[in-house]
Amino acid sequence: MHKQILLLAALLAAPSIALSGEHDDHASVGRYQLAFSIDGLYFLDTATGELWMRTGQGGWDSVRSPIHLPKHQRSRSREQVTLTLPKRGKKITMMQREKRAIPGSDDSLWIQLGDITGGQVMLEVVDANGQSIVERTSMKRRDFVKFKVDKRDIYLQIADLEMHLLSADFCELHLSKKKPKKEPATTRSDETVDISTAEVQPPLSQQERVTDEF
């Protein structure tokens, strides 16, 4: 039994010694890890992300690690996202610190909010696997972010923020294919009155009011 334990220890230590000899300048305790799978034995360099697989001849073949793939190739492994929006867009009301699937995305897109404080909120959009579509960003009222779904631009805007002392804070979001205006829409001129130039009639005296009545 003792011999079997020593043999197993030697088997596990051998690849570590061999590889550390090839990488003396980077070797460190706990850097290399062994992993067993149905495909065979793998050896991982936790410092560089390099991965080797045990070959039938007793050697080690380098396996290309996913973390070293080009960005455009990594994106292919991202969860497929879809989004169907009405022509006028979609309004969503969310509480602070809430995470919710975007309506029309078939649960492939999620919005995560942080605390609403100081008129701002931290917002992030992720896919079903938790990979970031819109990185965590601080946003205030009327701010918006843009991301793509099926090569189409989608805009997510903070339409309003509501902060309350005695109840939960919440915000209203608006999703649209059309780029929103960051500044509030101006009021139509025919609905406003310029008080500084408006003609103000002085109030009638009591005697004038009595005279007018007769």
N, C-alpha and C. Protein backbone atom coordinates (compact mmCIF):
# COMPACT_ATOMS: atom_id res chain seq x y z
N MET A 1 0.83 -1.21 0.00
CA MET A 1 0.00 0.00 0.00
C MET A 1 0.87 1.26 0.00
N HIS A 2 1.94 1.20 0.81
CA HIS A 2 2.84 2.35 0.90
C HIS A 2 3.50 2.61 -0.45
N LYS A 3 3.86 1.54 -1.16
CA LYS A 3 4.48 1.70 -2.48
C LYS A 3 3.51 2.32 -3.48
N GLN A 4 2.23 1.96 -3.37
CA GLN A 4 1.24 2.52 -4.28
C GLN A 4 1.08 4.02 -4.07
N ILE A 5 1.11 4.44 -2.81
CA ILE A 5 0.99 5.87 -2.50
C ILE A 5 2.18 6.63 -3.06
N LEU A 6 3.39 6.07 -2.90
CA LEU A 6 4.59 6.72 -3.42
C LEU A 6 4.55 6.80 -4.94
N LEU A 7 4.05 5.73 -5.57
CA LEU A 7 3.97 5.71 -7.03
C LEU A 7 3.01 6.78 -7.54
N LEU A 8 1.86 6.92 -6.86
CA LEU A 8 0.88 7.93 -7.25
C LEU A 8 1.44 9.33 -7.06
N ALA A 9 2.16 9.56 -5.96
CA ALA A 9 2.77 10.87 -5.70
C ALA A 9 3.79 11.21 -6.78
N ALA A 10 4.57 10.20 -7.17
CA ALA A 10 5.57 10.44 -8.22
C ALA A 10 4.92 10.76 -9.54
N LEU A 11 3.82 10.07 -9.84
CA LEU A 11 3.10 10.33 -11.10
C LEU A 11 2.57 11.75 -11.16
N LEU A 12 2.03 12.23 -10.03
CA LEU A 12 1.48 13.58 -10.00
C LEU A 12 2.58 14.63 -10.01
N ALA A 13 3.72 14.32 -9.41
CA ALA A 13 4.78 15.32 -9.31
C ALA A 13 5.59 15.43 -10.59
N ALA A 14 5.65 14.36 -11.37
CA ALA A 14 6.51 14.34 -12.56
C ALA A 14 6.21 15.45 -13.54
N PRO A 15 4.95 15.62 -13.97
CA PRO A 15 4.69 16.71 -14.94
C PRO A 15 4.96 18.08 -14.37
N SER A 16 4.75 18.23 -13.05
CA SER A 16 5.00 19.53 -12.43
C SER A 16 6.47 19.87 -12.47
N ILE A 17 7.31 18.85 -12.19
CA ILE A 17 8.76 19.08 -12.20
C ILE A 17 9.25 19.38 -13.60
N ALA A 18 8.71 18.61 -14.57
CA ALA A 18 9.14 18.80 -15.96
C ALA A 18 8.77 20.18 -16.48
N LEU A 19 7.55 20.60 -16.20
CA LEU A 19 7.09 21.88 -16.70
C LEU A 19 7.75 23.04 -15.98
N SER A 20 7.98 22.87 -14.67
CA SER A 20 8.62 23.95 -13.93
C SER A 20 10.04 24.14 -14.42
N GLY A 21 10.67 23.06 -14.92
CA GLY A 21 12.00 23.19 -15.48
C GLY A 21 12.00 24.01 -16.74
N GLU A 22 10.90 23.91 -17.52
CA GLU A 22 10.79 24.68 -18.75
C GLU A 22 10.45 26.13 -18.48
N HIS A 23 9.89 26.41 -17.32
CA HIS A 23 9.44 27.76 -17.00
C HIS A 23 10.02 28.19 -15.65
N ASP A 24 11.33 28.04 -15.47
CA ASP A 24 11.94 28.36 -14.19
C ASP A 24 11.74 29.81 -13.81
N ASP A 25 11.65 30.68 -14.79
CA ASP A 25 11.56 32.11 -14.49
C ASP A 25 10.20 32.47 -13.93
N HIS A 26 9.19 31.61 -14.11
CA HIS A 26 7.86 31.94 -13.62
C HIS A 26 7.36 30.95 -12.57
N ALA A 27 8.12 29.90 -12.28
CA ALA A 27 7.62 28.85 -11.41
C ALA A 27 7.34 29.40 -10.02
N SER A 28 6.24 28.92 -9.42
CA SER A 28 5.90 29.32 -8.07
C SER A 28 5.03 28.24 -7.46
N VAL A 29 5.00 28.21 -6.13
CA VAL A 29 4.24 27.19 -5.41
C VAL A 29 2.75 27.35 -5.69
N GLY A 30 2.08 26.24 -6.02
CA GLY A 30 0.64 26.28 -6.26
C GLY A 30 0.26 26.82 -7.61
N ARG A 31 1.26 27.05 -8.45
CA ARG A 31 0.95 27.65 -9.76
C ARG A 31 0.33 26.63 -10.70
N TYR A 32 0.79 25.38 -10.64
CA TYR A 32 0.31 24.35 -11.57
C TYR A 32 -0.74 23.48 -10.91
N GLN A 33 -1.77 23.13 -11.67
CA GLN A 33 -2.85 22.30 -11.15
C GLN A 33 -3.18 21.20 -12.14
N LEU A 34 -3.47 20.01 -11.59
CA LEU A 34 -3.88 18.87 -12.39
C LEU A 34 -5.39 18.76 -12.39
N ALA A 35 -5.94 18.36 -13.51
CA ALA A 35 -7.39 18.17 -13.61
C ALA A 35 -7.67 16.90 -14.40
N PHE A 36 -8.56 16.06 -13.86
CA PHE A 36 -8.94 14.82 -14.53
C PHE A 36 -10.31 15.00 -15.17
N SER A 37 -10.47 14.48 -16.38
CA SER A 37 -11.76 14.51 -17.06
C SER A 37 -11.91 13.23 -17.87
N ILE A 38 -13.08 13.08 -18.49
CA ILE A 38 -13.31 11.88 -19.30
C ILE A 38 -12.41 11.87 -20.53
N ASP A 39 -11.88 13.04 -20.89
CA ASP A 39 -10.98 13.12 -22.05
C ASP A 39 -9.55 12.77 -21.70
N GLY A 40 -9.22 12.80 -20.41
CA GLY A 40 -7.86 12.50 -20.02
C GLY A 40 -7.38 13.42 -18.91
N LEU A 41 -6.07 13.56 -18.82
CA LEU A 41 -5.43 14.34 -17.77
C LEU A 41 -4.98 15.69 -18.33
N TYR A 42 -5.35 16.76 -17.63
CA TYR A 42 -4.98 18.11 -18.05
C TYR A 42 -4.10 18.75 -16.98
N PHE A 43 -3.22 19.63 -17.45
CA PHE A 43 -2.30 20.32 -16.57
C PHE A 43 -2.42 21.82 -16.84
N LEU A 44 -2.77 22.59 -15.82
CA LEU A 44 -3.06 24.01 -15.99
C LEU A 44 -2.01 24.88 -15.31
N ASP A 45 -1.51 25.86 -16.04
CA ASP A 45 -0.64 26.88 -15.47
C ASP A 45 -1.53 28.05 -15.07
N THR A 46 -1.78 28.19 -13.78
CA THR A 46 -2.74 29.20 -13.31
C THR A 46 -2.22 30.62 -13.47
N ALA A 47 -0.92 30.78 -13.68
CA ALA A 47 -0.36 32.13 -13.83
C ALA A 47 -0.56 32.66 -15.24
N THR A 48 -0.42 31.79 -16.23
CA THR A 48 -0.51 32.24 -17.62
C THR A 48 -1.77 31.78 -18.32
N GLY A 49 -2.47 30.80 -17.72
CA GLY A 49 -3.67 30.26 -18.36
C GLY A 49 -3.35 29.20 -19.39
N GLU A 50 -2.06 28.82 -19.52
CA GLU A 50 -1.68 27.79 -20.49
C GLU A 50 -2.18 26.43 -20.02
N LEU A 51 -2.62 25.61 -20.96
CA LEU A 51 -3.22 24.32 -20.64
C LEU A 51 -2.56 23.23 -21.49
N TRP A 52 -2.19 22.12 -20.82
CA TRP A 52 -1.60 20.98 -21.52
C TRP A 52 -2.45 19.74 -21.29
N MET A 53 -2.42 18.84 -22.27
CA MET A 53 -3.14 17.57 -22.16
C MET A 53 -2.14 16.42 -22.30
N ARG A 54 -2.31 15.42 -21.45
CA ARG A 54 -1.42 14.26 -21.47
C ARG A 54 -1.62 13.46 -22.75
N THR A 55 -0.54 13.12 -23.45
CA THR A 55 -0.63 12.34 -24.68
C THR A 55 -0.39 10.87 -24.39
N GLY A 56 -0.73 10.03 -25.36
CA GLY A 56 -0.55 8.59 -25.19
C GLY A 56 0.91 8.18 -25.12
N GLN A 57 1.80 9.01 -25.64
CA GLN A 57 3.23 8.69 -25.63
C GLN A 57 3.92 9.16 -24.35
N GLY A 58 3.13 9.67 -23.42
CA GLY A 58 3.71 10.14 -22.16
C GLY A 58 4.14 11.58 -22.18
N GLY A 59 3.90 12.27 -23.30
CA GLY A 59 4.24 13.68 -23.38
C GLY A 59 3.05 14.57 -23.06
N TRP A 60 3.23 15.86 -23.33
CA TRP A 60 2.17 16.84 -23.04
C TRP A 60 1.97 17.72 -24.26
N ASP A 61 0.74 17.84 -24.71
CA ASP A 61 0.40 18.72 -25.83
C ASP A 61 -0.25 19.99 -25.31
N SER A 62 0.20 21.13 -25.85
CA SER A 62 -0.39 22.41 -25.45
C SER A 62 -1.79 22.55 -26.04
N VAL A 63 -2.71 22.96 -25.19
CA VAL A 63 -4.10 23.18 -25.61
C VAL A 63 -4.36 24.67 -25.55
N ARG A 64 -4.95 25.22 -26.60
CA ARG A 64 -5.21 26.66 -26.64
C ARG A 64 -6.29 27.02 -25.63
N SER A 65 -5.94 27.89 -24.72
CA SER A 65 -6.88 28.27 -23.67
C SER A 65 -7.89 29.28 -24.18
N PRO A 66 -9.17 29.18 -23.75
CA PRO A 66 -10.19 30.14 -24.19
C PRO A 66 -9.86 31.58 -23.83
N ILE A 67 -9.09 31.78 -22.74
CA ILE A 67 -8.81 33.16 -22.33
C ILE A 67 -7.80 33.82 -23.26
N HIS A 68 -7.16 33.02 -24.13
CA HIS A 68 -6.20 33.59 -25.08
C HIS A 68 -6.78 33.73 -26.47
N LEU A 69 -8.05 33.37 -26.65
CA LEU A 69 -8.66 33.52 -27.96
C LEU A 69 -8.85 34.99 -28.29
N PRO A 70 -8.78 35.34 -29.57
CA PRO A 70 -9.09 36.72 -29.97
C PRO A 70 -10.49 37.10 -29.53
N LYS A 71 -10.69 38.39 -29.34
CA LYS A 71 -11.96 38.88 -28.83
C LYS A 71 -13.13 38.46 -29.72
N HIS A 72 -12.94 38.51 -31.06
CA HIS A 72 -14.05 38.19 -31.95
C HIS A 72 -14.41 36.71 -31.88
N GLN A 73 -13.43 35.85 -31.50
CA GLN A 73 -13.73 34.43 -31.34
C GLN A 73 -14.38 34.16 -30.00
N ARG A 74 -13.96 34.88 -28.95
CA ARG A 74 -14.58 34.68 -27.65
C ARG A 74 -16.04 35.05 -27.68
N SER A 75 -16.40 36.07 -28.46
CA SER A 75 -17.78 36.53 -28.49
C SER A 75 -18.72 35.47 -29.07
N ARG A 76 -18.17 34.53 -29.85
CA ARG A 76 -19.01 33.50 -30.43
C ARG A 76 -19.57 32.57 -29.36
N SER A 77 -18.83 32.42 -28.25
CA SER A 77 -19.29 31.55 -27.18
C SER A 77 -20.31 32.23 -26.28
N ARG A 78 -20.54 33.50 -26.51
CA ARG A 78 -21.51 34.23 -25.70
C ARG A 78 -22.92 33.72 -25.98
N GLU A 79 -23.73 33.72 -24.96
CA GLU A 79 -25.11 33.28 -25.10
C GLU A 79 -25.80 34.09 -26.19
N GLN A 80 -26.51 33.39 -27.09
CA GLN A 80 -27.23 34.06 -28.17
C GLN A 80 -28.33 34.93 -27.58
N VAL A 81 -28.31 36.21 -27.93
CA VAL A 81 -29.30 37.14 -27.37
C VAL A 81 -30.26 37.57 -28.47
N THR A 82 -31.49 37.74 -28.07
CA THR A 82 -32.53 38.23 -28.98
C THR A 82 -33.33 39.29 -28.26
N LEU A 83 -33.95 40.17 -29.01
CA LEU A 83 -34.77 41.22 -28.41
C LEU A 83 -35.79 41.70 -29.43
N THR A 84 -37.05 41.64 -29.03
CA THR A 84 -38.14 42.14 -29.85
C THR A 84 -38.79 43.31 -29.13
N LEU A 85 -38.78 44.48 -29.76
CA LEU A 85 -39.32 45.68 -29.15
C LEU A 85 -40.48 46.23 -29.97
N PRO A 86 -41.50 46.79 -29.29
CA PRO A 86 -42.55 47.49 -30.03
C PRO A 86 -41.96 48.70 -30.75
N LYS A 87 -42.67 49.22 -31.71
CA LYS A 87 -42.18 50.35 -32.50
C LYS A 87 -41.89 51.56 -31.62
N ARG A 88 -42.71 51.76 -30.59
CA ARG A 88 -42.52 52.92 -29.71
C ARG A 88 -41.61 52.62 -28.53
N GLY A 89 -41.01 51.45 -28.53
CA GLY A 89 -40.11 51.10 -27.45
C GLY A 89 -40.84 50.43 -26.30
N LYS A 90 -40.11 50.22 -25.22
CA LYS A 90 -40.65 49.52 -24.06
C LYS A 90 -40.23 50.22 -22.78
N LYS A 91 -41.20 50.47 -21.88
CA LYS A 91 -40.91 51.07 -20.58
C LYS A 91 -40.84 49.97 -19.52
N ILE A 92 -39.87 50.10 -18.63
CA ILE A 92 -39.69 49.13 -17.55
C ILE A 92 -39.50 49.90 -16.25
N THR A 93 -40.22 49.52 -15.21
CA THR A 93 -40.05 50.10 -13.88
C THR A 93 -39.34 49.08 -13.00
N MET A 94 -38.21 49.49 -12.41
CA MET A 94 -37.42 48.57 -11.59
C MET A 94 -37.06 49.21 -10.26
N MET A 95 -37.02 48.39 -9.22
CA MET A 95 -36.59 48.84 -7.90
C MET A 95 -35.06 48.81 -7.86
N GLN A 96 -34.49 49.58 -6.93
CA GLN A 96 -33.04 49.55 -6.77
C GLN A 96 -32.58 48.15 -6.34
N ARG A 97 -31.40 47.76 -6.78
CA ARG A 97 -30.79 46.46 -6.52
C ARG A 97 -31.57 45.30 -7.13
N GLU A 98 -32.45 45.58 -8.07
CA GLU A 98 -33.23 44.52 -8.70
C GLU A 98 -32.52 44.02 -9.96
N LYS A 99 -32.68 42.74 -10.24
CA LYS A 99 -32.22 42.15 -11.49
C LYS A 99 -33.43 41.55 -12.19
N ARG A 100 -33.59 41.90 -13.47
CA ARG A 100 -34.79 41.46 -14.18
C ARG A 100 -34.47 41.20 -15.65
N ALA A 101 -35.13 40.19 -16.20
CA ALA A 101 -34.99 39.90 -17.63
C ALA A 101 -35.70 40.98 -18.43
N ILE A 102 -35.10 41.39 -19.53
CA ILE A 102 -35.71 42.41 -20.38
C ILE A 102 -36.87 41.79 -21.14
N PRO A 103 -38.06 42.37 -21.03
CA PRO A 103 -39.21 41.85 -21.78
C PRO A 103 -38.93 41.81 -23.28
N GLY A 104 -39.28 40.70 -23.90
CA GLY A 104 -39.04 40.56 -25.33
C GLY A 104 -37.70 39.93 -25.67
N SER A 105 -36.89 39.61 -24.64
CA SER A 105 -35.57 39.02 -24.89
C SER A 105 -35.55 37.52 -24.67
N ASP A 106 -36.68 36.94 -24.30
CA ASP A 106 -36.75 35.50 -24.02
C ASP A 106 -35.72 35.11 -22.96
N ASP A 107 -35.57 35.98 -21.95
CA ASP A 107 -34.65 35.77 -20.83
C ASP A 107 -33.18 35.68 -21.26
N SER A 108 -32.85 36.21 -22.43
CA SER A 108 -31.46 36.20 -22.88
C SER A 108 -30.72 37.48 -22.51
N LEU A 109 -31.46 38.51 -22.10
CA LEU A 109 -30.87 39.78 -21.67
C LEU A 109 -31.43 40.17 -20.31
N TRP A 110 -30.55 40.64 -19.44
CA TRP A 110 -30.95 41.00 -18.08
C TRP A 110 -30.39 42.37 -17.72
N ILE A 111 -31.18 43.11 -16.92
CA ILE A 111 -30.73 44.40 -16.39
C ILE A 111 -30.51 44.24 -14.89
N GLN A 112 -29.36 44.69 -14.42
CA GLN A 112 -29.03 44.66 -13.00
C GLN A 112 -28.81 46.09 -12.51
N LEU A 113 -29.58 46.48 -11.49
CA LEU A 113 -29.45 47.82 -10.91
C LEU A 113 -28.73 47.75 -9.57
N GLY A 114 -28.03 48.83 -9.24
CA GLY A 114 -27.44 48.97 -7.92
C GLY A 114 -28.30 49.88 -7.07
N ASP A 115 -27.68 50.52 -6.08
CA ASP A 115 -28.40 51.46 -5.23
C ASP A 115 -28.70 52.74 -6.00
N ILE A 116 -29.85 53.30 -5.73
CA ILE A 116 -30.20 54.62 -6.26
C ILE A 116 -29.86 55.64 -5.19
N THR A 117 -28.88 56.47 -5.44
CA THR A 117 -28.45 57.44 -4.44
C THR A 117 -27.84 58.66 -5.13
N GLY A 118 -28.10 59.81 -4.57
CA GLY A 118 -27.55 61.04 -5.14
C GLY A 118 -28.01 61.31 -6.55
N GLY A 119 -29.22 60.84 -6.88
CA GLY A 119 -29.74 61.06 -8.22
C GLY A 119 -29.09 60.20 -9.29
N GLN A 120 -28.38 59.13 -8.88
CA GLN A 120 -27.72 58.26 -9.84
C GLN A 120 -27.96 56.80 -9.47
N VAL A 121 -27.75 55.92 -10.43
CA VAL A 121 -27.90 54.48 -10.19
C VAL A 121 -26.85 53.74 -11.03
N MET A 122 -26.31 52.67 -10.46
CA MET A 122 -25.40 51.82 -11.20
C MET A 122 -26.22 50.82 -12.01
N LEU A 123 -25.92 50.71 -13.31
CA LEU A 123 -26.69 49.85 -14.21
C LEU A 123 -25.74 48.97 -15.01
N GLU A 124 -26.17 47.73 -15.22
CA GLU A 124 -25.41 46.78 -16.02
C GLU A 124 -26.38 45.91 -16.81
N VAL A 125 -26.01 45.58 -18.05
CA VAL A 125 -26.80 44.66 -18.87
C VAL A 125 -25.94 43.43 -19.14
N VAL A 126 -26.49 42.24 -18.85
CA VAL A 126 -25.75 41.00 -19.04
C VAL A 126 -26.60 40.01 -19.83
N ASP A 127 -25.93 38.98 -20.36
CA ASP A 127 -26.68 37.93 -21.04
C ASP A 127 -27.04 36.85 -20.03
N ALA A 128 -27.63 35.75 -20.50
CA ALA A 128 -28.09 34.70 -19.60
C ALA A 128 -26.95 34.01 -18.87
N ASN A 129 -25.73 34.09 -19.42
CA ASN A 129 -24.56 33.50 -18.78
C ASN A 129 -23.86 34.46 -17.83
N GLY A 130 -24.38 35.68 -17.72
CA GLY A 130 -23.77 36.66 -16.85
C GLY A 130 -22.66 37.46 -17.49
N GLN A 131 -22.42 37.24 -18.80
CA GLN A 131 -21.40 38.02 -19.49
C GLN A 131 -21.92 39.42 -19.78
N SER A 132 -21.06 40.40 -19.59
CA SER A 132 -21.47 41.80 -19.68
C SER A 132 -21.74 42.21 -21.13
N ILE A 133 -22.92 42.79 -21.35
CA ILE A 133 -23.26 43.42 -22.62
C ILE A 133 -23.02 44.92 -22.52
N VAL A 134 -23.47 45.50 -21.41
CA VAL A 134 -23.16 46.89 -21.06
C VAL A 134 -22.47 46.85 -19.71
N GLU A 135 -21.23 47.28 -19.65
CA GLU A 135 -20.49 47.23 -18.41
C GLU A 135 -21.14 48.13 -17.36
N ARG A 136 -20.90 47.79 -16.10
CA ARG A 136 -21.48 48.51 -14.98
C ARG A 136 -21.16 50.00 -15.09
N THR A 137 -22.22 50.82 -15.15
CA THR A 137 -22.08 52.24 -15.43
C THR A 137 -22.97 53.05 -14.50
N SER A 138 -22.46 54.18 -14.03
CA SER A 138 -23.27 55.09 -13.22
C SER A 138 -24.06 56.00 -14.15
N MET A 139 -25.38 56.04 -13.93
CA MET A 139 -26.25 56.81 -14.82
C MET A 139 -27.21 57.66 -14.00
N LYS A 140 -27.56 58.80 -14.57
CA LYS A 140 -28.54 59.68 -13.95
C LYS A 140 -29.71 59.88 -14.91
N ARG A 141 -30.68 60.65 -14.47
CA ARG A 141 -31.88 60.86 -15.27
C ARG A 141 -31.51 61.42 -16.66
N ARG A 142 -32.12 60.84 -17.68
CA ARG A 142 -31.94 61.20 -19.09
C ARG A 142 -30.68 60.62 -19.72
N ASP A 143 -29.79 60.01 -18.93
CA ASP A 143 -28.62 59.35 -19.51
C ASP A 143 -29.06 58.09 -20.25
N PHE A 144 -28.29 57.69 -21.25
CA PHE A 144 -28.61 56.44 -21.95
C PHE A 144 -27.33 55.74 -22.39
N VAL A 145 -27.46 54.44 -22.62
CA VAL A 145 -26.36 53.64 -23.14
C VAL A 145 -26.83 52.94 -24.41
N LYS A 146 -25.87 52.53 -25.23
CA LYS A 146 -26.20 51.86 -26.49
C LYS A 146 -25.52 50.50 -26.54
N PHE A 147 -26.23 49.49 -27.01
CA PHE A 147 -25.64 48.19 -27.26
C PHE A 147 -26.30 47.59 -28.50
N LYS A 148 -25.72 46.53 -29.00
CA LYS A 148 -26.21 45.93 -30.25
C LYS A 148 -26.84 44.57 -30.00
N VAL A 149 -27.93 44.31 -30.69
CA VAL A 149 -28.57 42.99 -30.73
C VAL A 149 -28.86 42.69 -32.19
N ASP A 150 -28.30 41.59 -32.69
CA ASP A 150 -28.46 41.23 -34.11
C ASP A 150 -28.06 42.40 -35.02
N LYS A 151 -26.95 43.05 -34.68
CA LYS A 151 -26.37 44.15 -35.45
C LYS A 151 -27.25 45.40 -35.47
N ARG A 152 -28.26 45.45 -34.60
CA ARG A 152 -29.11 46.63 -34.50
C ARG A 152 -28.76 47.40 -33.23
N ASP A 153 -28.78 48.72 -33.31
CA ASP A 153 -28.53 49.54 -32.14
C ASP A 153 -29.76 49.56 -31.24
N ILE A 154 -29.54 49.30 -29.95
CA ILE A 154 -30.60 49.37 -28.95
C ILE A 154 -30.18 50.40 -27.91
N TYR A 155 -31.10 51.29 -27.55
CA TYR A 155 -30.81 52.34 -26.58
C TYR A 155 -31.59 52.09 -25.30
N LEU A 156 -30.90 52.18 -24.18
CA LEU A 156 -31.50 52.03 -22.86
C LEU A 156 -31.31 53.33 -22.09
N GLN A 157 -32.40 53.99 -21.77
CA GLN A 157 -32.34 55.31 -21.13
C GLN A 157 -32.98 55.28 -19.75
N ILE A 158 -32.39 56.05 -18.84
CA ILE A 158 -33.02 56.28 -17.54
C ILE A 158 -34.04 57.39 -17.74
N ALA A 159 -35.31 57.02 -17.83
CA ALA A 159 -36.35 58.02 -18.06
C ALA A 159 -36.61 58.83 -16.80
N ASP A 160 -36.54 58.18 -15.64
CA ASP A 160 -36.82 58.90 -14.39
C ASP A 160 -36.25 58.12 -13.22
N LEU A 161 -35.92 58.83 -12.16
CA LEU A 161 -35.47 58.24 -10.90
C LEU A 161 -36.35 58.74 -9.78
N GLU A 162 -36.82 57.84 -8.94
CA GLU A 162 -37.68 58.22 -7.82
C GLU A 162 -37.01 57.77 -6.52
N MET A 163 -36.77 58.73 -5.63
CA MET A 163 -36.15 58.43 -4.34
C MET A 163 -37.10 58.82 -3.22
N HIS A 164 -37.31 57.89 -2.28
CA HIS A 164 -38.26 58.11 -1.19
C HIS A 164 -37.62 57.75 0.14
N LEU A 165 -38.03 58.46 1.18
CA LEU A 165 -37.52 58.19 2.52
C LEU A 165 -38.19 56.98 3.15
N LEU A 166 -39.49 56.83 2.91
CA LEU A 166 -40.27 55.80 3.60
C LEU A 166 -40.61 54.61 2.71
N SER A 167 -40.20 54.63 1.47
CA SER A 167 -40.48 53.50 0.58
C SER A 167 -39.27 53.27 -0.33
N ALA A 168 -39.32 52.16 -1.05
CA ALA A 168 -38.18 51.78 -1.88
C ALA A 168 -38.00 52.74 -3.06
N ASP A 169 -36.74 53.01 -3.37
CA ASP A 169 -36.43 53.83 -4.53
C ASP A 169 -36.59 52.99 -5.80
N PHE A 170 -36.97 53.64 -6.87
CA PHE A 170 -37.12 52.92 -8.13
C PHE A 170 -36.80 53.85 -9.29
N CYS A 171 -36.64 53.26 -10.46
CA CYS A 171 -36.38 54.07 -11.65
C CYS A 171 -37.19 53.53 -12.82
N GLU A 172 -37.46 54.41 -13.75
CA GLU A 172 -38.17 54.05 -14.97
C GLU A 172 -37.17 54.03 -16.12
N LEU A 173 -37.13 52.92 -16.82
CA LEU A 173 -36.22 52.74 -17.95
C LEU A 173 -37.00 52.72 -19.25
N HIS A 174 -36.34 53.12 -20.31
CA HIS A 174 -36.99 53.08 -21.62
C HIS A 174 -36.03 52.46 -22.63
N LEU A 175 -36.50 51.38 -23.28
CA LEU A 175 -35.74 50.70 -24.33
C LEU A 175 -36.30 51.07 -25.68
N SER A 176 -35.42 51.40 -26.61
CA SER A 176 -35.89 51.84 -27.92
C SER A 176 -34.83 51.58 -28.98
N LYS A 177 -35.27 51.49 -30.23
CA LYS A 177 -34.35 51.40 -31.35
C LYS A 177 -33.93 52.79 -31.83
N LYS A 178 -34.63 53.79 -31.35
CA LYS A 178 -34.36 55.17 -31.75
C LYS A 178 -33.52 55.87 -30.69
N LYS A 179 -32.52 56.61 -31.14
CA LYS A 179 -31.66 57.32 -30.21
C LYS A 179 -32.46 58.38 -29.46
N PRO A 180 -32.45 58.34 -28.13
CA PRO A 180 -33.23 59.32 -27.35
C PRO A 180 -32.50 60.65 -27.22
N LYS A 181 -33.25 61.65 -26.81
CA LYS A 181 -32.66 62.95 -26.51
C LYS A 181 -32.23 62.94 -25.05
N LYS A 182 -30.99 63.36 -24.83
CA LYS A 182 -30.49 63.36 -23.46
C LYS A 182 -31.13 64.48 -22.65
N GLU A 183 -31.33 65.65 -23.29
CA GLU A 183 -31.95 66.78 -22.60
C GLU A 183 -33.47 66.64 -22.63
N PRO A 184 -34.16 67.09 -21.58
CA PRO A 184 -35.62 67.03 -21.58
C PRO A 184 -36.19 67.81 -22.75
N ALA A 185 -37.29 67.31 -23.29
CA ALA A 185 -37.94 68.01 -24.41
C ALA A 185 -38.42 69.38 -23.95
N THR A 186 -38.24 70.39 -24.79
CA THR A 186 -38.66 71.75 -24.44
C THR A 186 -40.16 71.89 -24.58
N THR A 187 -40.73 72.75 -23.75
CA THR A 187 -42.17 72.98 -23.79
C THR A 187 -42.52 73.81 -25.01
N ARG A 188 -43.65 73.51 -25.64
CA ARG A 188 -44.08 74.27 -26.81
C ARG A 188 -44.34 75.72 -26.43
N SER A 189 -43.94 76.64 -27.32
CA SER A 189 -44.03 78.07 -27.01
C SER A 189 -45.47 78.53 -26.82
N ASP A 190 -46.42 77.87 -27.51
CA ASP A 190 -47.80 78.32 -27.37
C ASP A 190 -48.43 77.85 -26.07
N GLU A 191 -47.69 77.07 -25.29
CA GLU A 191 -48.20 76.61 -24.01
C GLU A 191 -47.54 77.32 -22.85
N THR A 192 -46.66 78.28 -23.14
CA THR A 192 -45.96 78.99 -22.09
C THR A 192 -46.29 80.47 -22.14
N VAL A 193 -46.11 81.10 -21.01
CA VAL A 193 -46.33 82.54 -20.91
C VAL A 193 -45.10 83.17 -20.29
N ASP A 194 -44.57 84.18 -20.96
CA ASP A 194 -43.42 84.89 -20.44
C ASP A 194 -43.93 85.95 -19.47
N ILE A 195 -43.78 85.67 -18.18
CA ILE A 195 -44.34 86.57 -17.16
C ILE A 195 -43.67 87.93 -17.20
N SER A 196 -42.41 87.97 -17.60
CA SER A 196 -41.68 89.24 -17.59
C SER A 196 -42.22 90.22 -18.61
N THR A 197 -42.84 89.74 -19.69
CA THR A 197 -43.35 90.64 -20.72
C THR A 197 -44.87 90.68 -20.78
N ALA A 198 -45.53 89.84 -20.00
CA ALA A 198 -46.99 89.82 -20.05
C ALA A 198 -47.56 91.10 -19.43
N GLU A 199 -48.63 91.60 -20.03
CA GLU A 199 -49.26 92.82 -19.52
C GLU A 199 -50.10 92.47 -18.30
N VAL A 200 -49.82 93.14 -17.20
CA VAL A 200 -50.52 92.87 -15.95
C VAL A 200 -51.38 94.07 -15.61
N GLN A 201 -52.70 93.87 -15.51
CA GLN A 201 -53.62 94.94 -15.17
C GLN A 201 -53.66 95.11 -13.66
N PRO A 202 -53.57 96.36 -13.18
CA PRO A 202 -53.65 96.58 -11.74
C PRO A 202 -55.05 96.23 -11.24
N PRO A 203 -55.17 95.79 -10.00
CA PRO A 203 -56.49 95.44 -9.46
C PRO A 203 -57.37 96.67 -9.34
N LEU A 204 -58.65 96.50 -9.58
CA LEU A 204 -59.61 97.60 -9.44
C LEU A 204 -59.80 97.95 -7.98
N SER A 205 -59.95 99.26 -7.73
CA SER A 205 -60.25 99.69 -6.36
C SER A 205 -61.68 99.31 -6.04
N GLN A 206 -62.02 99.37 -4.75
CA GLN A 206 -63.37 99.01 -4.32
C GLN A 206 -64.40 99.95 -4.93
N GLN A 207 -64.07 101.26 -5.04
CA GLN A 207 -65.00 102.22 -5.61
C GLN A 207 -65.25 101.94 -7.09
N GLU A 208 -64.19 101.57 -7.83
CA GLU A 208 -64.34 101.28 -9.25
C GLU A 208 -65.20 100.05 -9.46
N ARG A 209 -65.04 99.04 -8.56
CA ARG A 209 -65.83 97.83 -8.69
C ARG A 209 -67.30 98.12 -8.43
N VAL A 210 -67.58 99.00 -7.46
CA VAL A 210 -68.97 99.36 -7.15
C VAL A 210 -69.57 100.13 -8.31
N THR A 211 -68.78 101.06 -8.91
CA THR A 211 -69.27 101.85 -10.04
C THR A 211 -69.60 100.94 -11.22
N ASP A 212 -68.76 99.97 -11.46
CA ASP A 212 -68.99 99.07 -12.58
C ASP A 212 -70.26 98.26 -12.40
N GLU A 213 -70.60 97.98 -11.15
CA GLU A 213 -71.79 97.18 -10.92
C GLU A 213 -73.05 97.93 -11.29
N PHE A 214 -73.02 99.25 -11.26
CA PHE A 214 -74.18 100.07 -11.60
C PHE A 214 -74.01 100.63 -13.00
